[in-house]
Amino acid sequence: MAIIDFKQAVVRLTFETGYTLDGKVIKKSSSYRNVNQAATADQLGDVVGILSGFSSRPLLAAEKIETGNIQN
């Protein structure tokens, strides 16, 4: 049976920074490392709210990205 060995987790926030001449949204993202594997959705939501408050740009998306090694 294979298992996944947790390596790291990152929270990525994507902000709207403006529009192109074609009307498409210009996006800028910021990543924050060292996210605890056991962090709950409510805890991450609180952190995202605080971090997005430091920006004057509208928040478009927040993602938790986990990486790990698959071992047999």
C-alpha atoms as a PDB file:
ATOM      1  CA  MET A   1       0.000   0.000   0.000  1.00  0.00           C
ATOM      2  CA  ALA A   2       1.361   3.438  -0.929  1.00  0.00           C
ATOM      3  CA  ILE A   3       1.471   6.319   1.538  1.00  0.00           C
ATOM      4  CA  ILE A   4       1.996  10.025   1.097  1.00  0.00           C
ATOM      5  CA  ASP A   5       4.719  11.528   3.274  1.00  0.00           C
ATOM      6  CA  PHE A   6       3.869  15.202   3.902  1.00  0.00           C
ATOM      7  CA  LYS A   7       6.623  17.540   2.730  1.00  0.00           C
ATOM      8  CA  GLN A   8       5.266  21.106   2.987  1.00  0.00           C
ATOM      9  CA  ALA A   9       2.172  23.265   2.645  1.00  0.00           C
ATOM     10  CA  VAL A  10       1.866  26.727   1.135  1.00  0.00           C
ATOM     11  CA  VAL A  11      -0.966  29.268   1.165  1.00  0.00           C
ATOM     12  CA  ARG A  12      -1.218  31.250  -2.067  1.00  0.00           C
ATOM     13  CA  LEU A  13      -3.276  34.439  -2.221  1.00  0.00           C
ATOM     14  CA  THR A  14      -4.230  35.854  -5.620  1.00  0.00           C
ATOM     15  CA  PHE A  15      -5.078  39.544  -5.918  1.00  0.00           C
ATOM     16  CA  GLU A  16      -6.577  41.660  -8.694  1.00  0.00           C
ATOM     17  CA  THR A  17      -4.093  44.364  -9.691  1.00  0.00           C
ATOM     18  CA  GLY A  18      -5.925  45.928 -12.611  1.00  0.00           C
ATOM     19  CA  TYR A  19      -7.121  45.276 -16.151  1.00  0.00           C
ATOM     20  CA  THR A  20      -5.452  44.954 -19.542  1.00  0.00           C
ATOM     21  CA  LEU A  21      -6.558  47.013 -22.528  1.00  0.00           C
ATOM     22  CA  ASP A  22      -8.619  43.977 -23.575  1.00  0.00           C
ATOM     23  CA  GLY A  23     -10.492  44.027 -20.265  1.00  0.00           C
ATOM     24  CA  LYS A  24      -8.807  40.935 -18.815  1.00  0.00           C
ATOM     25  CA  VAL A  25      -7.971  40.863 -15.116  1.00  0.00           C
ATOM     26  CA  ILE A  26      -4.296  41.251 -14.172  1.00  0.00           C
ATOM     27  CA  LYS A  27      -3.487  38.984 -11.224  1.00  0.00           C
ATOM     28  CA  LYS A  28      -0.646  38.998  -8.708  1.00  0.00           C
ATOM     29  CA  SER A  29      -0.087  36.205  -6.216  1.00  0.00           C
ATOM     30  CA  SER A  30       1.759  35.962  -2.923  1.00  0.00           C
ATOM     31  CA  SER A  31       2.801  32.672  -1.334  1.00  0.00           C
ATOM     32  CA  TYR A  32       3.328  31.974   2.347  1.00  0.00           C
ATOM     33  CA  ARG A  33       5.284  28.858   3.354  1.00  0.00           C
ATOM     34  CA  ASN A  34       5.558  26.823   6.532  1.00  0.00           C
ATOM     35  CA  VAL A  35       1.836  26.174   6.853  1.00  0.00           C
ATOM     36  CA  ASN A  36       1.118  23.528   9.473  1.00  0.00           C
ATOM     37  CA  GLN A  37      -0.238  20.297   8.013  1.00  0.00           C
ATOM     38  CA  ALA A  38      -2.910  20.140  10.716  1.00  0.00           C
ATOM     39  CA  ALA A  39      -4.236  23.683  10.150  1.00  0.00           C
ATOM     40  CA  THR A  40      -8.023  23.641   9.849  1.00  0.00           C
ATOM     41  CA  ALA A  41     -10.045  25.482   7.215  1.00  0.00           C
ATOM     42  CA  ASP A  42     -11.267  27.949   9.864  1.00  0.00           C
ATOM     43  CA  GLN A  43      -7.709  28.696  10.999  1.00  0.00           C
ATOM     44  CA  LEU A  44      -6.524  29.197   7.426  1.00  0.00           C
ATOM     45  CA  GLY A  45      -9.550  31.401   6.749  1.00  0.00           C
ATOM     46  CA  ASP A  46      -8.605  33.622   9.695  1.00  0.00           C
ATOM     47  CA  VAL A  47      -5.003  33.893   8.482  1.00  0.00           C
ATOM     48  CA  VAL A  48      -6.100  34.643   4.913  1.00  0.00           C
ATOM     49  CA  GLY A  49      -8.369  37.403   6.218  1.00  0.00           C
ATOM     50  CA  ILE A  50      -5.502  38.976   8.150  1.00  0.00           C
ATOM     51  CA  LEU A  51      -2.973  38.682   5.328  1.00  0.00           C
ATOM     52  CA  SER A  52      -5.358  40.000   2.682  1.00  0.00           C
ATOM     53  CA  GLY A  53      -6.059  42.971   4.951  1.00  0.00           C
ATOM     54  CA  PHE A  54      -2.473  44.133   4.401  1.00  0.00           C
ATOM     55  CA  SER A  55      -3.198  44.642   0.696  1.00  0.00           C
ATOM     56  CA  SER A  56      -5.280  47.397  -0.853  1.00  0.00           C
ATOM     57  CA  ARG A  57      -6.082  45.069  -3.782  1.00  0.00           C
ATOM     58  CA  PRO A  58      -9.186  42.843  -3.929  1.00  0.00           C
ATOM     59  CA  LEU A  59      -8.578  39.194  -3.036  1.00  0.00           C
ATOM     60  CA  LEU A  60      -9.604  36.835  -5.857  1.00  0.00           C
ATOM     61  CA  ALA A  61      -8.582  33.450  -4.467  1.00  0.00           C
ATOM     62  CA  ALA A  62      -6.873  31.687  -1.582  1.00  0.00           C
ATOM     63  CA  GLU A  63      -5.392  28.202  -1.970  1.00  0.00           C
ATOM     64  CA  LYS A  64      -3.661  25.706   0.274  1.00  0.00           C
ATOM     65  CA  ILE A  65      -1.132  23.715  -1.745  1.00  0.00           C
ATOM     66  CA  GLU A  66       0.356  20.591  -0.171  1.00  0.00           C
ATOM     67  CA  THR A  67       3.301  18.630  -1.502  1.00  0.00           C
ATOM     68  CA  GLY A  68       4.519  15.249  -0.428  1.00  0.00           C
ATOM     69  CA  ASN A  69       6.421  12.151  -1.420  1.00  0.00           C
ATOM     70  CA  ILE A  70       4.564   9.012  -2.475  1.00  0.00           C
ATOM     71  CA  GLN A  71       6.161   5.932  -0.979  1.00  0.00           C
ATOM     72  CA  ASN A  72       5.381   2.267  -1.516  1.00  0.00           C
END
